[in-house]
Amino acid sequence: MPAASKPEDLISHRPSSVGDAIEWLRSLRIDEVECMVPDMNGMMRGKIIPREDFIRVIADGIRLPEFLFFQAVTGDTADDSAVVNPLDRDIRAVPDIATLRYVPWYDEPTAQVICDSSFIDEKPVDFAPRQVLRSVLERYADKGLRPVVAPELEFYLTGRNDDPDLPLTVPYGLSGRRESGRQAYGIEHANDFDHVVNLIYEYCEKSRIEIATMAHESGPAQLEMNFRHGDPIERADQTFLFKRTARLAARRFDMVATFMAMPHQDMPGSATHIHQSVIDIATGKNIFANEDGSDSQELLHYIAGLQAYIPAAMSLFCPNVNSYRRIRLESDAPINVHWGRDNRTCGLRVPDSPPEARRVENRVIGADSNPYLAMAATLACGLLGLEEKRLPEPAVDVDAHTLGVSLPWHIHEALSVLETCKPLREILGERFVDAFVDVKRLEWRLYNKVISSWEREYLLLNV
């Protein structure tokens, strides 16, 4: 760890070893460490441990129950899953030292760390989302390839909402007014939330979350944060942490930051667009471009894999009932897997870019997706295209919304397609797919018990 005259200079330091991490924790006088494991929904599960107790277990990890990976977003558990061990055994959550970060919003010095999960026999938990992504990356590495990704994450700021039966409201900005209309890329409308955005940037800088540009999106108080391109696990970690960071910053100003795919009726939904390219490890070159700068055959194979398998992976990209309110004919969101060059109406877009930055953007993914599973799934689809040497449909240069819907309409349909897709089951892991489907079907059953206001409004007296 580099010498520093003030403890605050160490906040953004990235520990490189267990010894370095221990010195960092003690130099900053960290009081507690939040040990986090991302569950199937990308929610944070884990334990909060006093610093010296954490130091004692830093190498071996902490014990957590295996059932945390089978918890629905409601907290209910898919106990009937065939993947669940009936003995309710423990797993080991082992801190990944590279993810140890300062938590900037507490009064007492606090750190957070993301953990990898293993069974007691030290084998990785094959249905843990972070391990699913790591397994896909290992398959790339076996072929001498290394993916690079850059997420773009959309979200809404809303007024506080203490009653789930009431629609969300647009918050008051610095102007003292509530925004109306659709002000995509509006500078003054973005400025209206400078106080929230500036605090998000401050929190991100202190916790090593590398966000770059910010833009106002089409909905009222809808923002987009772009992350710098990099390693998929690192970018998934940062997206995972960013959601909490944005929520805590918004809360300071009595607002809510929500990553629901469709929080407002008749307004644009929120997406996670993932730009992706693939590097040849031996040469360091982007395999999506030829020497003369033209698109390579590998790019076409990759796009074809996305076209072939995105419908089957849809429940990983759009994992909630609410997700499918965004995928509709009148929406700006894609409704199919056509591809085009710099065509934002397509599910798959190849932006204008120099050879070294040639990439494809998956625009299907919702903001409510688990970033580990969304990245694992989109990279898996592309890799299958490379392995199978598929060829894509011709690029389109018209509005792809005029070409029909080819994506599942609902989570129940999407889960059925995933469950029976043998190539995705093989690359993502049989037990993971079964566990994910079981958790999401539990959520569907719980949702299906709820009687909505629409039903009471139109069916109570009319049928």
Protein backbone atom coordinates (compact mmCIF):
# COMPACT_ATOMS: atom_id res chain seq x y z
CA MET A 1 0.00 0.00 0.00
CA PRO A 2 1.43 3.40 -0.95
CA ALA A 3 2.45 5.73 1.85
CA ALA A 4 -0.03 8.51 2.49
CA SER A 5 -0.02 11.46 4.83
CA LYS A 6 -3.78 11.48 5.41
CA PRO A 7 -6.19 8.56 5.83
CA GLU A 8 -8.57 10.10 3.28
CA ASP A 9 -5.89 9.70 0.62
CA LEU A 10 -6.17 5.93 1.05
CA ILE A 11 -9.91 5.72 0.45
CA SER A 12 -9.65 5.00 -3.28
CA HIS A 13 -6.74 2.54 -2.88
CA ARG A 14 -7.36 -0.94 -4.31
CA PRO A 15 -5.86 -3.63 -2.03
CA SER A 16 -3.74 -6.17 -3.91
CA SER A 17 -3.23 -8.84 -1.25
CA VAL A 18 -4.58 -10.00 2.08
CA GLY A 19 -1.76 -8.21 3.91
CA ASP A 20 -2.39 -5.03 1.94
CA ALA A 21 -6.12 -5.27 2.74
CA ILE A 22 -5.47 -5.65 6.47
CA GLU A 23 -3.17 -2.62 6.48
CA TRP A 24 -5.77 -0.62 4.52
CA LEU A 25 -8.57 -1.55 6.95
CA ARG A 26 -6.50 -0.56 9.98
CA SER A 27 -5.06 2.62 8.45
CA LEU A 28 -8.58 3.89 7.73
CA ARG A 29 -9.77 2.68 11.14
CA ILE A 30 -12.62 0.81 9.47
CA ASP A 31 -15.25 -0.08 12.04
CA GLU A 32 -17.22 -2.75 10.15
CA VAL A 33 -17.05 -4.66 6.87
CA GLU A 34 -20.16 -5.53 4.84
CA CYS A 35 -19.59 -8.94 3.23
CA MET A 36 -21.90 -9.22 0.21
CA VAL A 37 -23.02 -12.03 -2.06
CA PRO A 38 -25.24 -11.20 -5.08
CA ASP A 39 -28.29 -13.47 -5.17
CA MET A 40 -30.38 -14.52 -8.18
CA ASN A 41 -32.02 -11.09 -8.39
CA GLY A 42 -28.78 -9.17 -7.88
CA MET A 43 -29.84 -8.28 -4.33
CA MET A 44 -27.17 -8.02 -1.65
CA ARG A 45 -27.12 -10.85 0.88
CA GLY A 46 -24.48 -11.43 3.53
CA LYS A 47 -23.24 -10.33 6.94
CA ILE A 48 -21.82 -7.19 8.57
CA ILE A 49 -18.69 -8.00 10.60
CA PRO A 50 -16.49 -5.93 12.95
CA ARG A 51 -13.10 -5.19 11.42
CA GLU A 52 -10.91 -7.44 13.57
CA ASP A 53 -13.34 -10.33 13.28
CA PHE A 54 -13.28 -9.86 9.50
CA ILE A 55 -9.48 -9.90 9.50
CA ARG A 56 -9.54 -13.24 11.33
CA VAL A 57 -11.76 -14.83 8.63
CA ILE A 58 -10.51 -12.91 5.60
CA ALA A 59 -8.80 -15.94 4.05
CA ASP A 60 -11.35 -18.63 4.90
CA GLY A 61 -14.52 -16.60 4.49
CA ILE A 62 -17.78 -16.54 6.40
CA ARG A 63 -20.55 -19.12 6.61
CA LEU A 64 -23.89 -18.41 4.94
CA PRO A 65 -26.86 -20.70 4.29
CA GLU A 66 -27.12 -22.09 0.78
CA PHE A 67 -30.80 -21.11 0.60
CA LEU A 68 -29.91 -17.44 0.04
CA PHE A 69 -29.50 -18.27 -3.67
CA PHE A 70 -33.08 -19.58 -3.71
CA GLN A 71 -34.69 -16.48 -2.21
CA ALA A 72 -37.20 -14.63 -4.33
CA VAL A 73 -37.29 -10.84 -4.48
CA THR A 74 -40.03 -11.07 -1.81
CA GLY A 75 -37.74 -13.00 0.55
CA ASP A 76 -39.68 -16.24 0.09
CA THR A 77 -37.59 -19.32 -0.66
CA ALA A 78 -38.00 -21.85 -3.47
CA ASP A 79 -37.78 -24.76 -1.03
CA ASP A 80 -39.23 -27.19 -3.56
CA SER A 81 -36.35 -26.74 -6.01
CA ALA A 82 -34.58 -30.01 -6.83
CA VAL A 83 -31.28 -28.08 -6.65
CA VAL A 84 -31.73 -27.15 -2.98
CA ASN A 85 -29.88 -29.36 -0.57
CA PRO A 86 -32.51 -30.77 1.86
CA LEU A 87 -30.03 -30.44 4.77
CA ASP A 88 -29.96 -26.63 4.33
CA ARG A 89 -26.16 -26.74 4.37
CA ASP A 90 -23.76 -23.83 4.68
CA ILE A 91 -21.56 -22.36 1.99
CA ARG A 92 -18.39 -20.33 2.39
CA ALA A 93 -18.47 -16.72 1.22
CA VAL A 94 -14.82 -15.85 0.60
CA PRO A 95 -13.99 -12.13 0.18
CA ASP A 96 -12.54 -11.14 -3.19
CA ILE A 97 -9.90 -8.73 -1.89
CA ALA A 98 -9.85 -6.81 -5.20
CA THR A 99 -13.44 -5.70 -4.50
CA LEU A 100 -12.75 -4.29 -1.01
CA ARG A 101 -14.01 -0.71 -1.06
CA TYR A 102 -14.78 2.18 1.23
CA VAL A 103 -18.47 2.92 1.89
CA PRO A 104 -18.81 6.71 1.72
CA TRP A 105 -22.26 7.35 3.21
CA TYR A 106 -21.83 6.13 6.79
CA ASP A 107 -20.78 8.27 9.76
CA GLU A 108 -18.49 5.50 11.03
CA PRO A 109 -15.72 4.29 8.64
CA THR A 110 -17.14 1.22 6.89
CA ALA A 111 -15.94 -1.05 4.09
CA GLN A 112 -17.75 -3.39 1.72
CA VAL A 113 -16.47 -6.45 -0.09
CA ILE A 114 -18.02 -8.83 -2.64
CA CYS A 115 -17.56 -12.50 -1.88
CA ASP A 116 -17.21 -15.58 -4.05
CA SER A 117 -19.15 -18.63 -2.93
CA SER A 118 -17.89 -22.15 -2.48
CA PHE A 119 -19.20 -25.30 -0.89
CA ILE A 120 -17.49 -26.55 2.25
CA ASP A 121 -15.36 -28.88 0.06
CA GLU A 122 -14.07 -25.66 -1.64
CA LYS A 123 -15.76 -26.38 -4.98
CA PRO A 124 -17.40 -23.22 -6.43
CA VAL A 125 -21.14 -22.85 -5.95
CA ASP A 126 -22.14 -23.52 -9.55
CA PHE A 127 -25.47 -21.68 -9.30
CA ALA A 128 -24.02 -18.50 -7.73
CA PRO A 129 -24.45 -15.65 -10.29
CA ARG A 130 -20.86 -14.37 -9.97
CA GLN A 131 -19.58 -17.90 -10.58
CA VAL A 132 -21.85 -18.33 -13.61
CA LEU A 133 -20.24 -15.27 -15.20
CA ARG A 134 -16.76 -16.49 -14.27
CA SER A 135 -17.47 -19.89 -15.89
CA VAL A 136 -18.48 -18.23 -19.17
CA LEU A 137 -15.28 -16.15 -19.12
CA GLU A 138 -13.20 -19.28 -18.51
CA ARG A 139 -14.73 -20.80 -21.63
CA TYR A 140 -13.61 -17.74 -23.60
CA ALA A 141 -10.14 -17.98 -22.07
CA ASP A 142 -9.88 -21.63 -23.11
CA LYS A 143 -10.21 -20.38 -26.70
CA GLY A 144 -7.62 -17.64 -26.21
CA LEU A 145 -10.28 -14.92 -26.05
CA ARG A 146 -11.13 -12.15 -23.60
CA PRO A 147 -14.43 -10.24 -23.70
CA VAL A 148 -14.63 -6.53 -22.97
CA VAL A 149 -17.89 -4.87 -21.95
CA ALA A 150 -19.27 -1.41 -21.23
CA PRO A 151 -22.70 -1.14 -19.57
CA GLU A 152 -25.06 1.81 -19.94
CA LEU A 153 -27.55 1.88 -17.08
CA GLU A 154 -30.83 3.83 -17.10
CA PHE A 155 -32.87 4.67 -14.01
CA TYR A 156 -35.55 7.04 -12.76
CA LEU A 157 -35.55 9.45 -9.86
CA THR A 158 -39.00 9.56 -8.27
CA GLY A 159 -40.66 11.11 -5.28
CA ARG A 160 -40.83 9.04 -2.11
CA ASN A 161 -43.55 6.43 -2.22
CA ASP A 162 -44.78 4.79 0.96
CA ASP A 163 -47.93 3.26 -0.52
CA PRO A 164 -47.34 0.59 -3.21
CA ASP A 165 -50.95 0.99 -4.41
CA LEU A 166 -50.26 4.54 -5.57
CA PRO A 167 -48.45 5.47 -8.83
CA LEU A 168 -44.96 6.91 -8.55
CA THR A 169 -44.54 10.67 -8.79
CA VAL A 170 -41.94 12.82 -10.55
CA PRO A 171 -39.70 14.53 -7.95
CA TYR A 172 -39.18 18.26 -7.62
CA GLY A 173 -35.87 19.42 -9.09
CA LEU A 174 -33.67 22.37 -8.19
CA SER A 175 -35.98 24.57 -10.27
CA GLY A 176 -38.76 23.87 -7.78
CA ARG A 177 -40.82 22.22 -10.50
CA ARG A 178 -41.67 18.72 -11.58
CA GLU A 179 -40.42 17.83 -15.03
CA SER A 180 -42.98 17.01 -17.70
CA GLY A 181 -42.76 15.76 -21.27
CA ARG A 182 -39.88 13.83 -22.81
CA GLN A 183 -36.59 15.69 -22.66
CA ALA A 184 -33.99 13.25 -23.98
CA TYR A 185 -30.46 14.70 -23.69
CA GLY A 186 -31.84 17.91 -22.21
CA ILE A 187 -28.96 19.69 -20.44
CA GLU A 188 -31.09 21.99 -18.29
CA HIS A 189 -33.36 19.11 -17.34
CA ALA A 190 -30.33 17.08 -16.30
CA ASN A 191 -29.04 20.12 -14.36
CA ASP A 192 -32.27 20.11 -12.37
CA PHE A 193 -30.92 17.04 -10.56
CA ASP A 194 -27.30 18.14 -10.26
CA HIS A 195 -27.44 17.84 -6.48
CA VAL A 196 -28.26 14.12 -6.71
CA VAL A 197 -25.92 13.41 -9.62
CA ASN A 198 -22.99 15.21 -7.97
CA LEU A 199 -23.43 13.15 -4.83
CA ILE A 200 -23.58 9.96 -6.93
CA TYR A 201 -20.29 10.92 -8.59
CA GLU A 202 -18.73 11.71 -5.20
CA TYR A 203 -19.83 8.37 -3.76
CA CYS A 204 -18.64 6.52 -6.87
CA GLU A 205 -15.20 8.14 -6.81
CA LYS A 206 -14.67 7.17 -3.18
CA SER A 207 -15.81 3.58 -3.79
CA ARG A 208 -13.94 3.04 -7.10
CA ILE A 209 -16.99 2.82 -9.35
CA GLU A 210 -15.83 4.06 -12.75
CA ILE A 211 -18.75 5.87 -14.29
CA ALA A 212 -18.06 8.18 -17.22
CA THR A 213 -20.75 10.23 -18.94
CA MET A 214 -24.26 11.00 -17.71
CA ALA A 215 -27.22 11.94 -19.87
CA HIS A 216 -30.89 12.75 -19.39
CA GLU A 217 -33.07 10.07 -20.94
CA SER A 218 -36.53 10.36 -22.46
CA GLY A 219 -38.65 9.98 -19.33
CA PRO A 220 -39.19 12.66 -16.66
CA ALA A 221 -36.25 12.54 -14.21
CA GLN A 222 -34.84 9.54 -16.10
CA LEU A 223 -31.04 9.43 -16.23
CA GLU A 224 -28.42 7.20 -17.84
CA MET A 225 -24.96 6.46 -16.47
CA ASN A 226 -22.30 5.06 -18.78
CA PHE A 227 -19.52 2.88 -17.39
CA ARG A 228 -16.03 2.70 -18.87
CA HIS A 229 -15.25 -0.45 -20.84
CA GLY A 230 -13.39 -3.23 -19.09
CA ASP A 231 -13.40 -6.72 -17.62
CA PRO A 232 -16.93 -8.22 -17.37
CA ILE A 233 -16.67 -9.29 -13.72
CA GLU A 234 -15.29 -5.91 -12.69
CA ARG A 235 -18.04 -4.11 -14.61
CA ALA A 236 -20.71 -6.42 -13.18
CA ASP A 237 -19.35 -5.71 -9.68
CA GLN A 238 -19.48 -1.98 -10.29
CA THR A 239 -23.02 -2.11 -11.72
CA PHE A 240 -24.10 -4.21 -8.72
CA LEU A 241 -22.63 -1.64 -6.32
CA PHE A 242 -23.81 1.38 -8.33
CA LYS A 243 -27.49 0.58 -7.87
CA ARG A 244 -27.16 0.79 -4.10
CA THR A 245 -24.96 3.89 -4.41
CA ALA A 246 -27.56 5.72 -6.51
CA ARG A 247 -30.36 4.74 -4.14
CA LEU A 248 -28.46 6.04 -1.10
CA ALA A 249 -27.55 9.31 -2.84
CA ALA A 250 -31.17 9.90 -3.89
CA ARG A 251 -32.38 9.16 -0.38
CA ARG A 252 -30.30 12.08 0.95
CA PHE A 253 -32.60 14.38 -1.04
CA ASP A 254 -35.84 12.60 -0.14
CA MET A 255 -36.01 10.90 -3.55
CA VAL A 256 -35.99 7.32 -4.78
CA ALA A 257 -33.67 5.98 -7.47
CA THR A 258 -35.41 3.03 -9.08
CA PHE A 259 -34.11 0.47 -11.55
CA MET A 260 -37.51 -1.04 -12.25
CA ALA A 261 -37.77 -1.67 -15.97
CA MET A 262 -41.12 0.16 -16.18
CA PRO A 263 -41.87 2.31 -13.13
CA HIS A 264 -44.27 4.76 -14.85
CA GLN A 265 -47.28 3.96 -16.98
CA ASP A 266 -47.02 5.35 -20.54
CA MET A 267 -43.41 6.47 -20.06
CA PRO A 268 -40.21 4.95 -21.50
CA GLY A 269 -38.74 1.97 -19.71
CA SER A 270 -35.22 1.68 -18.30
CA ALA A 271 -32.60 -0.53 -19.92
CA THR A 272 -29.09 -1.81 -19.36
CA HIS A 273 -27.40 -1.63 -22.76
CA ILE A 274 -24.24 -3.73 -22.84
CA HIS A 275 -21.56 -2.97 -25.44
CA GLN A 276 -19.37 -6.00 -26.02
CA SER A 277 -16.27 -6.87 -28.01
CA VAL A 278 -13.80 -9.76 -27.91
CA ILE A 279 -9.99 -9.55 -27.75
CA ASP A 280 -7.55 -12.15 -29.02
CA ILE A 281 -5.34 -12.68 -25.97
CA ALA A 282 -2.26 -13.58 -28.04
CA THR A 283 -2.36 -10.52 -30.29
CA GLY A 284 -4.32 -8.06 -28.16
CA LYS A 285 -6.50 -7.24 -31.18
CA ASN A 286 -10.26 -6.92 -31.43
CA ILE A 287 -11.50 -9.97 -33.37
CA PHE A 288 -14.56 -8.07 -34.63
CA ALA A 289 -12.55 -6.08 -37.21
CA ASN A 290 -10.28 -7.10 -40.10
CA GLU A 291 -6.91 -5.50 -40.80
CA ASP A 292 -8.52 -3.16 -43.34
CA GLY A 293 -11.08 -2.01 -40.74
CA SER A 294 -14.04 -3.92 -42.18
CA ASP A 295 -16.33 -6.11 -40.09
CA SER A 296 -14.85 -9.55 -39.52
CA GLN A 297 -16.53 -12.90 -39.97
CA GLU A 298 -16.25 -13.34 -36.20
CA LEU A 299 -18.43 -10.29 -35.65
CA LEU A 300 -21.10 -11.82 -37.88
CA HIS A 301 -20.90 -15.15 -36.06
CA TYR A 302 -21.21 -13.35 -32.72
CA ILE A 303 -24.25 -11.36 -33.86
CA ALA A 304 -25.83 -14.54 -35.19
CA GLY A 305 -25.36 -16.19 -31.80
CA LEU A 306 -27.12 -13.27 -30.13
CA GLN A 307 -29.95 -13.49 -32.66
CA ALA A 308 -30.33 -17.22 -32.15
CA TYR A 309 -30.19 -17.36 -28.35
CA ILE A 310 -31.43 -14.03 -26.94
CA PRO A 311 -35.08 -15.21 -27.05
CA ALA A 312 -34.08 -18.24 -24.94
CA ALA A 313 -32.04 -16.05 -22.58
CA MET A 314 -34.80 -13.45 -22.26
CA SER A 315 -35.66 -14.29 -18.65
CA LEU A 316 -32.05 -13.47 -17.70
CA PHE A 317 -32.23 -10.11 -19.48
CA CYS A 318 -35.79 -9.29 -18.39
CA PRO A 319 -36.21 -11.27 -15.16
CA ASN A 320 -39.37 -9.81 -13.63
CA VAL A 321 -43.07 -9.53 -14.40
CA ASN A 322 -42.63 -5.76 -14.71
CA SER A 323 -39.79 -6.23 -17.25
CA TYR A 324 -42.19 -7.14 -20.05
CA ARG A 325 -44.16 -3.93 -19.76
CA ARG A 326 -41.09 -2.34 -21.39
CA ILE A 327 -41.05 -4.79 -24.35
CA ARG A 328 -44.12 -3.65 -26.26
CA LEU A 329 -45.01 -2.33 -29.69
CA GLU A 330 -45.45 1.31 -28.67
CA SER A 331 -42.19 1.38 -26.69
CA ASP A 332 -38.77 2.69 -27.67
CA ALA A 333 -37.35 -0.60 -26.41
CA PRO A 334 -36.49 -3.32 -28.95
CA ILE A 335 -39.11 -5.97 -29.68
CA ASN A 336 -36.96 -8.30 -31.80
CA VAL A 337 -33.36 -9.33 -32.46
CA HIS A 338 -32.77 -7.68 -35.82
CA TRP A 339 -29.39 -5.98 -36.11
CA GLY A 340 -28.24 -2.85 -37.85
CA ARG A 341 -25.33 -0.48 -38.13
CA ASP A 342 -25.95 2.50 -35.86
CA ASN A 343 -29.68 1.67 -35.84
CA ARG A 344 -31.12 2.22 -32.37
CA THR A 345 -34.47 0.64 -33.25
CA CYS A 346 -32.79 -2.77 -33.41
CA GLY A 347 -32.25 -5.13 -30.52
CA LEU A 348 -28.64 -5.45 -31.68
CA ARG A 349 -26.71 -2.37 -32.80
CA VAL A 350 -23.21 -2.08 -34.22
CA PRO A 351 -22.20 1.54 -33.50
CA ASP A 352 -20.00 3.47 -35.90
CA SER A 353 -16.54 2.84 -34.47
CA PRO A 354 -12.88 2.42 -35.40
CA PRO A 355 -11.54 -1.16 -35.75
CA GLU A 356 -10.07 -1.30 -32.25
CA ALA A 357 -13.45 -0.35 -30.76
CA ARG A 358 -15.70 -2.43 -33.06
CA ARG A 359 -18.47 -3.80 -30.91
CA VAL A 360 -22.08 -4.89 -30.73
CA GLU A 361 -24.60 -3.41 -28.32
CA ASN A 362 -27.30 -5.60 -26.79
CA ARG A 363 -30.25 -3.24 -26.25
CA VAL A 364 -32.75 -5.86 -25.04
CA ILE A 365 -31.57 -6.01 -21.42
CA GLY A 366 -33.61 -4.31 -18.70
CA ALA A 367 -32.24 -2.11 -15.91
CA ASP A 368 -33.78 -4.57 -13.44
CA SER A 369 -31.53 -7.42 -14.57
CA ASN A 370 -28.90 -9.03 -12.36
CA PRO A 371 -25.71 -7.59 -13.93
CA TYR A 372 -23.76 -10.84 -13.45
CA LEU A 373 -26.41 -12.92 -15.17
CA ALA A 374 -27.10 -10.36 -17.91
CA MET A 375 -23.40 -10.26 -18.81
CA ALA A 376 -23.01 -14.02 -18.54
CA ALA A 377 -26.01 -14.58 -20.79
CA THR A 378 -25.15 -12.07 -23.51
CA LEU A 379 -21.54 -13.28 -23.65
CA ALA A 380 -22.75 -16.90 -23.72
CA CYS A 381 -25.07 -16.18 -26.66
CA GLY A 382 -22.25 -14.56 -28.62
CA LEU A 383 -19.81 -17.34 -27.81
CA LEU A 384 -22.26 -19.97 -29.03
CA GLY A 385 -22.46 -18.06 -32.31
CA LEU A 386 -18.66 -18.11 -32.59
CA GLU A 387 -18.47 -21.82 -31.79
CA GLU A 388 -21.30 -22.79 -34.13
CA LYS A 389 -20.09 -20.39 -36.86
CA ARG A 390 -23.63 -19.13 -37.36
CA LEU A 391 -24.47 -16.45 -39.89
CA PRO A 392 -26.84 -13.60 -39.04
CA GLU A 393 -29.87 -12.36 -40.87
CA PRO A 394 -29.09 -9.35 -43.10
CA ALA A 395 -28.65 -6.01 -41.34
CA VAL A 396 -31.72 -3.79 -41.44
CA ASP A 397 -31.76 -0.09 -42.27
CA VAL A 398 -35.43 0.55 -41.44
CA ASP A 399 -37.29 0.99 -38.16
CA ALA A 400 -37.06 -2.50 -36.67
CA HIS A 401 -40.32 -1.93 -34.79
CA THR A 402 -42.11 -2.36 -38.11
CA LEU A 403 -40.71 -5.88 -38.48
CA GLY A 404 -42.72 -7.61 -35.75
CA VAL A 405 -42.14 -9.06 -32.31
CA SER A 406 -39.82 -12.04 -31.91
CA LEU A 407 -39.14 -11.88 -28.17
CA PRO A 408 -41.16 -13.59 -25.41
CA TRP A 409 -44.07 -11.50 -24.19
CA HIS A 410 -44.01 -12.60 -20.57
CA ILE A 411 -41.71 -14.03 -17.89
CA HIS A 412 -43.64 -17.32 -17.81
CA GLU A 413 -43.07 -17.87 -21.53
CA ALA A 414 -39.42 -16.78 -21.28
CA LEU A 415 -38.68 -19.25 -18.48
CA SER A 416 -40.10 -22.13 -20.50
CA VAL A 417 -37.85 -21.29 -23.46
CA LEU A 418 -34.75 -21.05 -21.26
CA GLU A 419 -35.53 -24.29 -19.48
CA THR A 420 -35.52 -26.27 -22.75
CA CYS A 421 -32.57 -24.58 -24.51
CA LYS A 422 -29.82 -27.21 -24.36
CA PRO A 423 -26.91 -25.02 -25.56
CA LEU A 424 -27.62 -22.32 -22.94
CA ARG A 425 -28.15 -24.92 -20.23
CA GLU A 426 -24.77 -26.40 -21.05
CA ILE A 427 -22.80 -23.14 -21.13
CA LEU A 428 -24.51 -21.50 -18.12
CA GLY A 429 -24.78 -24.70 -16.08
CA GLU A 430 -27.64 -27.15 -15.74
CA ARG A 431 -28.06 -26.62 -12.00
CA PHE A 432 -27.94 -22.85 -12.32
CA VAL A 433 -30.68 -22.81 -14.98
CA ASP A 434 -32.90 -25.08 -12.88
CA ALA A 435 -32.33 -22.99 -9.74
CA PHE A 436 -32.99 -19.70 -11.56
CA VAL A 437 -36.19 -21.03 -13.15
CA ASP A 438 -37.42 -22.32 -9.78
CA VAL A 439 -36.85 -18.94 -8.08
CA LYS A 440 -38.55 -17.02 -10.87
CA ARG A 441 -41.52 -19.39 -11.04
CA LEU A 442 -41.99 -18.90 -7.31
CA GLU A 443 -42.10 -15.15 -7.89
CA TRP A 444 -44.65 -15.67 -10.68
CA ARG A 445 -46.90 -17.70 -8.37
CA LEU A 446 -46.69 -15.03 -5.67
CA TYR A 447 -47.43 -12.27 -8.17
CA ASN A 448 -50.37 -14.21 -9.59
CA LYS A 449 -52.09 -14.13 -6.18
CA VAL A 450 -52.32 -10.32 -6.25
CA ILE A 451 -55.54 -8.70 -7.47
CA SER A 452 -54.64 -5.48 -9.32
CA SER A 453 -56.41 -2.13 -9.32
CA TRP A 454 -57.18 -2.65 -13.04
CA GLU A 455 -59.14 -5.80 -12.20
CA ARG A 456 -61.09 -4.04 -9.47
CA GLU A 457 -61.74 -1.05 -11.74
CA TYR A 458 -63.03 -2.91 -14.81
CA LEU A 459 -64.18 -6.33 -13.62
CA LEU A 460 -65.77 -5.69 -10.24
CA LEU A 461 -69.11 -4.45 -11.63
CA ASN A 462 -68.87 -5.18 -15.33
CA VAL A 463 -68.61 -8.97 -15.61
